[in-house]
Amino acid sequence: ELPICPARLMGKVVPFSGGGYFRLVPLWLQRQLLNRMDYVMFY
């Protein structure tokens, strides 16, 4: 299983790496999340 990878922000699980989330999550925040994760599934 290769799941979609959410990030944890302010105690909440937040998806960010695909589809509509690219339009909802600011680019600067996406970059920060990517830098702190060892696995990311983009779609």
All heavy atoms as atom14 arrays in JSON, in Angstrom:
{
  "sequence": "ELPICPARLMGKVVPFSGGGYFRLVPLWLQRQLLNRMDYVMFY",
  "atom14_mask": [
    [1, 1, 1, 1, 1, 1, 1, 1, 1, 0, 0, 0, 0, 0],
    [1, 1, 1, 1, 1, 1, 1, 1, 0, 0, 0, 0, 0, 0],
    [1, 1, 1, 1, 1, 1, 1, 0, 0, 0, 0, 0, 0, 0],
    [1, 1, 1, 1, 1, 1, 1, 1, 0, 0, 0, 0, 0, 0],
    [1, 1, 1, 1, 1, 1, 0, 0, 0, 0, 0, 0, 0, 0],
    [1, 1, 1, 1, 1, 1, 1, 0, 0, 0, 0, 0, 0, 0],
    [1, 1, 1, 1, 1, 0, 0, 0, 0, 0, 0, 0, 0, 0],
    [1, 1, 1, 1, 1, 1, 1, 1, 1, 1, 1, 0, 0, 0],
    [1, 1, 1, 1, 1, 1, 1, 1, 0, 0, 0, 0, 0, 0],
    [1, 1, 1, 1, 1, 1, 1, 1, 0, 0, 0, 0, 0, 0],
    [1, 1, 1, 1, 0, 0, 0, 0, 0, 0, 0, 0, 0, 0],
    [1, 1, 1, 1, 1, 1, 1, 1, 1, 0, 0, 0, 0, 0],
    [1, 1, 1, 1, 1, 1, 1, 0, 0, 0, 0, 0, 0, 0],
    [1, 1, 1, 1, 1, 1, 1, 0, 0, 0, 0, 0, 0, 0],
    [1, 1, 1, 1, 1, 1, 1, 0, 0, 0, 0, 0, 0, 0],
    [1, 1, 1, 1, 1, 1, 1, 1, 1, 1, 1, 0, 0, 0],
    [1, 1, 1, 1, 1, 1, 0, 0, 0, 0, 0, 0, 0, 0],
    [1, 1, 1, 1, 0, 0, 0, 0, 0, 0, 0, 0, 0, 0],
    [1, 1, 1, 1, 0, 0, 0, 0, 0, 0, 0, 0, 0, 0],
    [1, 1, 1, 1, 0, 0, 0, 0, 0, 0, 0, 0, 0, 0],
    [1, 1, 1, 1, 1, 1, 1, 1, 1, 1, 1, 1, 0, 0],
    [1, 1, 1, 1, 1, 1, 1, 1, 1, 1, 1, 0, 0, 0],
    [1, 1, 1, 1, 1, 1, 1, 1, 1, 1, 1, 0, 0, 0],
    [1, 1, 1, 1, 1, 1, 1, 1, 0, 0, 0, 0, 0, 0],
    [1, 1, 1, 1, 1, 1, 1, 0, 0, 0, 0, 0, 0, 0],
    [1, 1, 1, 1, 1, 1, 1, 0, 0, 0, 0, 0, 0, 0],
    [1, 1, 1, 1, 1, 1, 1, 1, 0, 0, 0, 0, 0, 0],
    [1, 1, 1, 1, 1, 1, 1, 1, 1, 1, 1, 1, 1, 1],
    [1, 1, 1, 1, 1, 1, 1, 1, 0, 0, 0, 0, 0, 0],
    [1, 1, 1, 1, 1, 1, 1, 1, 1, 0, 0, 0, 0, 0],
    [1, 1, 1, 1, 1, 1, 1, 1, 1, 1, 1, 0, 0, 0],
    [1, 1, 1, 1, 1, 1, 1, 1, 1, 0, 0, 0, 0, 0],
    [1, 1, 1, 1, 1, 1, 1, 1, 0, 0, 0, 0, 0, 0],
    [1, 1, 1, 1, 1, 1, 1, 1, 0, 0, 0, 0, 0, 0],
    [1, 1, 1, 1, 1, 1, 1, 1, 0, 0, 0, 0, 0, 0],
    [1, 1, 1, 1, 1, 1, 1, 1, 1, 1, 1, 0, 0, 0],
    [1, 1, 1, 1, 1, 1, 1, 1, 0, 0, 0, 0, 0, 0],
    [1, 1, 1, 1, 1, 1, 1, 1, 0, 0, 0, 0, 0, 0],
    [1, 1, 1, 1, 1, 1, 1, 1, 1, 1, 1, 1, 0, 0],
    [1, 1, 1, 1, 1, 1, 1, 0, 0, 0, 0, 0, 0, 0],
    [1, 1, 1, 1, 1, 1, 1, 1, 0, 0, 0, 0, 0, 0],
    [1, 1, 1, 1, 1, 1, 1, 1, 1, 1, 1, 0, 0, 0],
    [1, 1, 1, 1, 1, 1, 1, 1, 1, 1, 1, 1, 0, 0]
  ],
  "atom14_positions": [
    [[0.84, -1.19, 0.0], [0.0, 0.0, 0.0], [0.87, 1.25, 0.0], [1.75, 1.42, 0.86], [-0.93, 0.02, 1.21], [-1.84, 1.25, 1.27], [-2.76, 1.36, 0.07], [-3.37, 0.32, -0.32], [-2.86, 2.48, -0.49], [0.0, 0.0, 0.0], [0.0, 0.0, 0.0], [0.0, 0.0, 0.0], [0.0, 0.0, 0.0], [0.0, 0.0, 0.0]],
    [[0.64, 2.12, -0.99], [1.32, 3.41, -1.09], [0.25, 4.49, -0.93], [-0.37, 4.91, -1.9], [2.03, 3.54, -2.43], [3.08, 2.47, -2.74], [3.62, 2.64, -4.15], [4.22, 2.54, -1.73], [0.0, 0.0, 0.0], [0.0, 0.0, 0.0], [0.0, 0.0, 0.0], [0.0, 0.0, 0.0], [0.0, 0.0, 0.0], [0.0, 0.0, 0.0]],
    [[0.0, 4.96, 0.29], [-1.12, 5.86, 0.54], [-0.82, 7.31, 0.17], [0.33, 7.69, -0.03], [-1.33, 5.72, 2.05], [0.05, 5.47, 2.57], [0.74, 4.63, 1.52], [0.0, 0.0, 0.0], [0.0, 0.0, 0.0], [0.0, 0.0, 0.0], [0.0, 0.0, 0.0], [0.0, 0.0, 0.0], [0.0, 0.0, 0.0], [0.0, 0.0, 0.0]],
    [[-1.88, 8.09, 0.1], [-1.72, 9.53, 0.04], [-1.16, 9.98, 1.38], [-1.52, 9.48, 2.43], [-3.07, 10.21, -0.24], [-3.58, 9.8, -1.62], [-2.97, 11.72, -0.14], [-2.67, 10.23, -2.74], [0.0, 0.0, 0.0], [0.0, 0.0, 0.0], [0.0, 0.0, 0.0], [0.0, 0.0, 0.0], [0.0, 0.0, 0.0], [0.0, 0.0, 0.0]],
    [[-0.24, 10.94, 1.36], [0.43, 11.33, 2.6], [-0.09, 12.67, 3.1], [0.1, 13.7, 2.47], [1.94, 11.4, 2.37], [2.37, 12.35, 0.92], [0.0, 0.0, 0.0], [0.0, 0.0, 0.0], [0.0, 0.0, 0.0], [0.0, 0.0, 0.0], [0.0, 0.0, 0.0], [0.0, 0.0, 0.0], [0.0, 0.0, 0.0], [0.0, 0.0, 0.0]],
    [[-0.77, 12.67, 4.22], [-1.2, 13.94, 4.81], [-0.11, 14.49, 5.72], [0.81, 13.79, 6.13], [-2.44, 13.53, 5.6], [-2.14, 12.11, 6.02], [-1.29, 11.51, 4.94], [0.0, 0.0, 0.0], [0.0, 0.0, 0.0], [0.0, 0.0, 0.0], [0.0, 0.0, 0.0], [0.0, 0.0, 0.0], [0.0, 0.0, 0.0], [0.0, 0.0, 0.0]],
    [[-0.23, 15.75, 6.06], [0.65, 16.38, 7.03], [-0.16, 16.73, 8.27], [-1.38, 16.86, 8.21], [1.28, 17.64, 6.44], [0.0, 0.0, 0.0], [0.0, 0.0, 0.0], [0.0, 0.0, 0.0], [0.0, 0.0, 0.0], [0.0, 0.0, 0.0], [0.0, 0.0, 0.0], [0.0, 0.0, 0.0], [0.0, 0.0, 0.0], [0.0, 0.0, 0.0]],
    [[0.5, 16.87, 9.38], [-0.18, 17.24, 10.62], [0.11, 18.7, 10.92], [1.26, 19.1, 11.14], [0.26, 16.34, 11.77], [-0.53, 16.51, 13.04], [-0.28, 15.38, 14.02], [-0.82, 14.13, 13.57], [-2.1, 13.77, 13.75], [-2.95, 14.59, 14.36], [-2.51, 12.6, 13.33], [0.0, 0.0, 0.0], [0.0, 0.0, 0.0], [0.0, 0.0, 0.0]],
    [[-0.95, 19.51, 10.94], [-0.84, 20.93, 11.2], [-1.8, 21.32, 12.31], [-3.01, 21.07, 12.22], [-1.15, 21.75, 9.95], [-0.18, 21.65, 8.77], [-0.75, 22.38, 7.57], [1.17, 22.22, 9.15], [0.0, 0.0, 0.0], [0.0, 0.0, 0.0], [0.0, 0.0, 0.0], [0.0, 0.0, 0.0], [0.0, 0.0, 0.0], [0.0, 0.0, 0.0]],
    [[-1.26, 21.89, 13.38], [-2.07, 22.35, 14.5], [-2.99, 21.26, 15.02], [-4.15, 21.48, 15.34], [-2.89, 23.58, 14.08], [-2.05, 24.75, 13.61], [-3.03, 26.17, 13.03], [-3.79, 26.66, 14.55], [0.0, 0.0, 0.0], [0.0, 0.0, 0.0], [0.0, 0.0, 0.0], [0.0, 0.0, 0.0], [0.0, 0.0, 0.0], [0.0, 0.0, 0.0]],
    [[-2.42, 20.05, 15.08], [-3.16, 18.93, 15.62], [-4.13, 18.27, 14.67], [-4.82, 17.33, 15.04], [0.0, 0.0, 0.0], [0.0, 0.0, 0.0], [0.0, 0.0, 0.0], [0.0, 0.0, 0.0], [0.0, 0.0, 0.0], [0.0, 0.0, 0.0], [0.0, 0.0, 0.0], [0.0, 0.0, 0.0], [0.0, 0.0, 0.0], [0.0, 0.0, 0.0]],
    [[-4.21, 18.78, 13.43], [-5.13, 18.22, 12.46], [-4.37, 17.56, 11.32], [-3.29, 17.99, 10.94], [-6.06, 19.31, 11.9], [-7.01, 19.9, 12.93], [-7.96, 20.89, 12.29], [-8.95, 21.43, 13.3], [-9.9, 22.39, 12.67], [0.0, 0.0, 0.0], [0.0, 0.0, 0.0], [0.0, 0.0, 0.0], [0.0, 0.0, 0.0], [0.0, 0.0, 0.0]],
    [[-4.97, 16.49, 10.76], [-4.41, 15.81, 9.61], [-4.86, 16.53, 8.35], [-6.06, 16.63, 8.07], [-4.84, 14.33, 9.57], [-4.28, 13.65, 8.33], [-4.39, 13.61, 10.83], [0.0, 0.0, 0.0], [0.0, 0.0, 0.0], [0.0, 0.0, 0.0], [0.0, 0.0, 0.0], [0.0, 0.0, 0.0], [0.0, 0.0, 0.0], [0.0, 0.0, 0.0]],
    [[-3.91, 17.05, 7.57], [-4.22, 17.88, 6.41], [-3.56, 17.3, 5.15], [-2.34, 17.25, 5.06], [-3.72, 19.33, 6.61], [-4.08, 20.18, 5.4], [-4.28, 19.92, 7.88], [0.0, 0.0, 0.0], [0.0, 0.0, 0.0], [0.0, 0.0, 0.0], [0.0, 0.0, 0.0], [0.0, 0.0, 0.0], [0.0, 0.0, 0.0], [0.0, 0.0, 0.0]],
    [[-4.35, 16.84, 4.18], [-3.78, 16.41, 2.9], [-3.29, 17.63, 2.12], [-3.83, 18.72, 2.26], [-4.96, 15.73, 2.18], [-6.02, 15.59, 3.24], [-5.8, 16.64, 4.25], [0.0, 0.0, 0.0], [0.0, 0.0, 0.0], [0.0, 0.0, 0.0], [0.0, 0.0, 0.0], [0.0, 0.0, 0.0], [0.0, 0.0, 0.0], [0.0, 0.0, 0.0]],
    [[-2.3, 17.44, 1.29], [-1.76, 18.6, 0.57], [-1.12, 18.26, -0.76], [-0.8, 19.19, -1.53], [-0.71, 19.3, 1.44], [0.58, 18.52, 1.58], [1.67, 18.8, 0.76], [0.71, 17.51, 2.51], [2.85, 18.09, 0.88], [1.88, 16.79, 2.63], [2.96, 17.08, 1.82], [0.0, 0.0, 0.0], [0.0, 0.0, 0.0], [0.0, 0.0, 0.0]],
    [[-0.94, 17.0, -1.09], [-0.04, 16.64, -2.18], [-0.73, 16.24, -3.48], [-0.15, 15.53, -4.3], [0.88, 15.49, -1.74], [0.11, 14.31, -1.48], [0.0, 0.0, 0.0], [0.0, 0.0, 0.0], [0.0, 0.0, 0.0], [0.0, 0.0, 0.0], [0.0, 0.0, 0.0], [0.0, 0.0, 0.0], [0.0, 0.0, 0.0], [0.0, 0.0, 0.0]],
    [[-1.93, 16.71, -3.71], [-2.55, 16.33, -4.97], [-3.89, 16.99, -5.21], [-4.51, 17.56, -4.3], [0.0, 0.0, 0.0], [0.0, 0.0, 0.0], [0.0, 0.0, 0.0], [0.0, 0.0, 0.0], [0.0, 0.0, 0.0], [0.0, 0.0, 0.0], [0.0, 0.0, 0.0], [0.0, 0.0, 0.0], [0.0, 0.0, 0.0], [0.0, 0.0, 0.0]],
    [[-4.35, 16.87, -6.45], [-5.68, 17.33, -6.83], [-5.97, 18.75, -6.41], [-5.17, 19.67, -6.58], [0.0, 0.0, 0.0], [0.0, 0.0, 0.0], [0.0, 0.0, 0.0], [0.0, 0.0, 0.0], [0.0, 0.0, 0.0], [0.0, 0.0, 0.0], [0.0, 0.0, 0.0], [0.0, 0.0, 0.0], [0.0, 0.0, 0.0], [0.0, 0.0, 0.0]],
    [[-7.15, 18.94, -5.81], [-7.58, 20.26, -5.39], [-6.75, 20.87, -4.29], [-6.77, 22.09, -4.08], [0.0, 0.0, 0.0], [0.0, 0.0, 0.0], [0.0, 0.0, 0.0], [0.0, 0.0, 0.0], [0.0, 0.0, 0.0], [0.0, 0.0, 0.0], [0.0, 0.0, 0.0], [0.0, 0.0, 0.0], [0.0, 0.0, 0.0], [0.0, 0.0, 0.0]],
    [[-5.99, 20.03, -3.56], [-5.18, 20.55, -2.47], [-4.06, 21.46, -2.96], [-3.6, 22.34, -2.24], [-4.61, 19.4, -1.64], [-5.68, 18.53, -1.03], [-5.9, 17.23, -1.5], [-6.51, 19.01, -0.03], [-6.88, 16.44, -0.96], [-7.51, 18.22, 0.51], [-7.69, 16.93, 0.03], [-8.68, 16.14, 0.55], [0.0, 0.0, 0.0], [0.0, 0.0, 0.0]],
    [[-3.6, 21.27, -4.21], [-2.6, 22.17, -4.77], [-3.15, 23.58, -4.93], [-2.41, 24.55, -4.92], [-2.11, 21.65, -6.12], [-1.12, 20.53, -6.02], [-1.34, 19.33, -6.65], [0.04, 20.67, -5.28], [-0.43, 18.29, -6.56], [0.95, 19.63, -5.18], [0.72, 18.45, -5.82], [0.0, 0.0, 0.0], [0.0, 0.0, 0.0], [0.0, 0.0, 0.0]],
    [[-4.47, 23.69, -5.1], [-5.08, 25.01, -5.25], [-5.43, 25.62, -3.89], [-5.59, 26.83, -3.78], [-6.34, 24.91, -6.11], [-6.08, 24.45, -7.54], [-7.33, 24.53, -8.38], [-8.34, 23.58, -7.97], [-8.41, 22.32, -8.39], [-7.51, 21.88, -9.25], [-9.35, 21.51, -7.97], [0.0, 0.0, 0.0], [0.0, 0.0, 0.0], [0.0, 0.0, 0.0]],
    [[-5.58, 24.79, -2.88], [-5.99, 25.27, -1.57], [-4.81, 25.6, -0.66], [-4.9, 26.53, 0.15], [-6.89, 24.22, -0.89], [-8.22, 23.91, -1.59], [-8.91, 22.73, -0.91], [-9.13, 25.12, -1.57], [0.0, 0.0, 0.0], [0.0, 0.0, 0.0], [0.0, 0.0, 0.0], [0.0, 0.0, 0.0], [0.0, 0.0, 0.0], [0.0, 0.0, 0.0]],
    [[-3.74, 24.83, -0.77], [-2.58, 25.0, 0.12], [-1.56, 25.92, -0.55], [-1.13, 25.66, -1.67], [-1.93, 23.64, 0.44], [-0.75, 23.82, 1.38], [-2.97, 22.7, 1.08], [0.0, 0.0, 0.0], [0.0, 0.0, 0.0], [0.0, 0.0, 0.0], [0.0, 0.0, 0.0], [0.0, 0.0, 0.0], [0.0, 0.0, 0.0], [0.0, 0.0, 0.0]],
    [[-1.17, 27.02, 0.1], [-0.19, 27.94, -0.48], [1.12, 27.24, -0.83], [1.53, 26.29, -0.15], [0.03, 28.97, 0.63], [-1.17, 28.87, 1.51], [-1.62, 27.45, 1.43], [0.0, 0.0, 0.0], [0.0, 0.0, 0.0], [0.0, 0.0, 0.0], [0.0, 0.0, 0.0], [0.0, 0.0, 0.0], [0.0, 0.0, 0.0], [0.0, 0.0, 0.0]],
    [[1.78, 27.72, -1.88], [3.0, 27.11, -2.36], [4.08, 27.09, -1.28], [4.79, 26.1, -1.12], [3.5, 27.82, -3.62], [4.77, 27.26, -4.27], [4.57, 25.81, -4.68], [5.15, 28.11, -5.49], [0.0, 0.0, 0.0], [0.0, 0.0, 0.0], [0.0, 0.0, 0.0], [0.0, 0.0, 0.0], [0.0, 0.0, 0.0], [0.0, 0.0, 0.0]],
    [[4.23, 28.2, -0.54], [5.27, 28.25, 0.49], [5.05, 27.19, 1.55], [6.01, 26.6, 2.06], [5.33, 29.65, 1.12], [4.07, 30.04, 1.88], [3.0, 30.74, 1.4], [3.75, 29.74, 3.25], [2.05, 30.91, 2.36], [2.49, 30.31, 3.52], [4.42, 29.06, 4.26], [1.86, 30.21, 4.76], [3.81, 28.96, 5.52], [2.55, 29.52, 5.75]],
    [[3.78, 26.92, 1.89], [3.48, 25.91, 2.88], [3.74, 24.5, 2.32], [4.25, 23.63, 3.03], [2.03, 26.03, 3.36], [1.57, 25.02, 4.41], [2.47, 25.08, 5.64], [0.12, 25.3, 4.8], [0.0, 0.0, 0.0], [0.0, 0.0, 0.0], [0.0, 0.0, 0.0], [0.0, 0.0, 0.0], [0.0, 0.0, 0.0], [0.0, 0.0, 0.0]],
    [[3.4, 24.3, 1.05], [3.67, 23.01, 0.42], [5.17, 22.69, 0.47], [5.57, 21.57, 0.77], [3.17, 23.0, -1.02], [1.66, 22.98, -1.15], [1.21, 22.92, -2.59], [1.99, 22.52, -3.46], [-0.01, 23.29, -2.88], [0.0, 0.0, 0.0], [0.0, 0.0, 0.0], [0.0, 0.0, 0.0], [0.0, 0.0, 0.0], [0.0, 0.0, 0.0]],
    [[5.99, 23.7, 0.17], [7.44, 23.49, 0.18], [7.93, 23.13, 1.57], [8.79, 22.24, 1.74], [8.14, 24.74, -0.34], [8.0, 24.94, -1.85], [8.55, 26.28, -2.28], [8.55, 26.4, -3.73], [8.73, 27.55, -4.38], [8.92, 28.68, -3.68], [8.7, 27.58, -5.7], [0.0, 0.0, 0.0], [0.0, 0.0, 0.0], [0.0, 0.0, 0.0]],
    [[7.42, 23.8, 2.59], [7.8, 23.48, 3.96], [7.42, 22.04, 4.33], [8.2, 21.31, 4.94], [7.15, 24.46, 4.93], [7.76, 25.85, 4.94], [7.24, 26.69, 6.1], [6.63, 26.19, 7.04], [7.48, 28.0, 6.02], [0.0, 0.0, 0.0], [0.0, 0.0, 0.0], [0.0, 0.0, 0.0], [0.0, 0.0, 0.0], [0.0, 0.0, 0.0]],
    [[6.23, 21.64, 3.93], [5.77, 20.29, 4.24], [6.61, 19.25, 3.51], [6.95, 18.21, 4.09], [4.29, 20.15, 3.86], [3.31, 21.02, 4.66], [1.9, 20.91, 4.09], [3.31, 20.63, 6.13], [0.0, 0.0, 0.0], [0.0, 0.0, 0.0], [0.0, 0.0, 0.0], [0.0, 0.0, 0.0], [0.0, 0.0, 0.0], [0.0, 0.0, 0.0]],
    [[6.94, 19.52, 2.26], [7.75, 18.59, 1.48], [9.13, 18.39, 2.09], [9.66, 17.29, 2.12], [7.87, 19.07, 0.04], [6.6, 19.03, -0.81], [6.83, 19.7, -2.16], [6.13, 17.6, -1.0], [0.0, 0.0, 0.0], [0.0, 0.0, 0.0], [0.0, 0.0, 0.0], [0.0, 0.0, 0.0], [0.0, 0.0, 0.0], [0.0, 0.0, 0.0]],
    [[9.69, 19.47, 2.58], [11.04, 19.41, 3.14], [11.12, 18.59, 4.42], [12.17, 18.07, 4.77], [11.58, 20.82, 3.39], [11.89, 21.56, 2.09], [12.19, 20.95, 1.06], [11.8, 22.9, 2.13], [0.0, 0.0, 0.0], [0.0, 0.0, 0.0], [0.0, 0.0, 0.0], [0.0, 0.0, 0.0], [0.0, 0.0, 0.0], [0.0, 0.0, 0.0]],
    [[10.0, 18.46, 5.13], [10.04, 17.73, 6.38], [9.55, 16.3, 6.26], [9.45, 15.61, 7.25], [9.24, 18.46, 7.45], [8.03, 18.91, 7.17], [7.37, 19.84, 8.2], [6.26, 19.2, 8.86], [5.28, 19.82, 9.47], [5.32, 21.12, 9.61], [4.3, 19.16, 10.03], [0.0, 0.0, 0.0], [0.0, 0.0, 0.0], [0.0, 0.0, 0.0]],
    [[9.23, 15.86, 5.01], [8.69, 14.53, 4.83], [9.61, 13.66, 3.99], [10.2, 14.12, 3.01], [7.3, 14.6, 4.18], [6.3, 15.42, 4.98], [4.64, 15.42, 4.34], [4.14, 13.74, 4.74], [0.0, 0.0, 0.0], [0.0, 0.0, 0.0], [0.0, 0.0, 0.0], [0.0, 0.0, 0.0], [0.0, 0.0, 0.0], [0.0, 0.0, 0.0]],
    [[9.73, 12.4, 4.38], [10.58, 11.44, 3.65], [9.82, 10.73, 2.53], [10.43, 10.12, 1.67], [11.14, 10.4, 4.62], [12.05, 11.02, 5.66], [12.79, 11.96, 5.32], [12.03, 10.55, 6.83], [0.0, 0.0, 0.0], [0.0, 0.0, 0.0], [0.0, 0.0, 0.0], [0.0, 0.0, 0.0], [0.0, 0.0, 0.0], [0.0, 0.0, 0.0]],
    [[8.49, 10.8, 2.59], [7.68, 10.13, 1.58], [6.53, 11.05, 1.17], [5.81, 11.58, 2.02], [7.12, 8.81, 2.13], [5.93, 8.27, 1.36], [6.09, 7.64, 0.14], [4.62, 8.41, 1.86], [5.0, 7.16, -0.57], [3.54, 7.92, 1.17], [3.72, 7.31, -0.05], [2.64, 6.83, -0.76], [0.0, 0.0, 0.0], [0.0, 0.0, 0.0]],
    [[6.37, 11.24, -0.14], [5.27, 12.05, -0.65], [4.7, 11.37, -1.9], [5.45, 11.04, -2.83], [5.71, 13.48, -1.0], [4.51, 14.26, -1.57], [6.26, 14.2, 0.22], [0.0, 0.0, 0.0], [0.0, 0.0, 0.0], [0.0, 0.0, 0.0], [0.0, 0.0, 0.0], [0.0, 0.0, 0.0], [0.0, 0.0, 0.0], [0.0, 0.0, 0.0]],
    [[3.39, 11.17, -1.9], [2.68, 10.66, -3.07], [1.95, 11.83, -3.73], [0.99, 12.36, -3.18], [1.67, 9.57, -2.67], [0.69, 9.19, -3.77], [1.42, 8.36, -5.19], [1.64, 6.72, -4.51], [0.0, 0.0, 0.0], [0.0, 0.0, 0.0], [0.0, 0.0, 0.0], [0.0, 0.0, 0.0], [0.0, 0.0, 0.0], [0.0, 0.0, 0.0]],
    [[2.44, 12.25, -4.89], [1.78, 13.31, -5.64], [0.75, 12.7, -6.6], [0.97, 11.62, -7.17], [2.79, 14.09, -6.49], [3.8, 14.85, -5.69], [5.03, 14.29, -5.39], [3.52, 16.14, -5.25], [5.97, 15.0, -4.66], [4.47, 16.85, -4.52], [5.69, 16.28, -4.22], [0.0, 0.0, 0.0], [0.0, 0.0, 0.0], [0.0, 0.0, 0.0]],
    [[-0.37, 13.4, -6.78], [-1.31, 12.95, -7.8], [-1.97, 14.16, -8.47], [-2.29, 15.15, -7.84], [-2.38, 12.0, -7.22], [-3.4, 12.65, -6.32], [-4.67, 13.02, -6.79], [-3.13, 12.89, -4.97], [-5.61, 13.6, -5.97], [-4.07, 13.46, -4.13], [-5.31, 13.81, -4.64], [-6.25, 14.4, -3.81], [0.0, 0.0, 0.0], [0.0, 0.0, 0.0]]
  ]
}
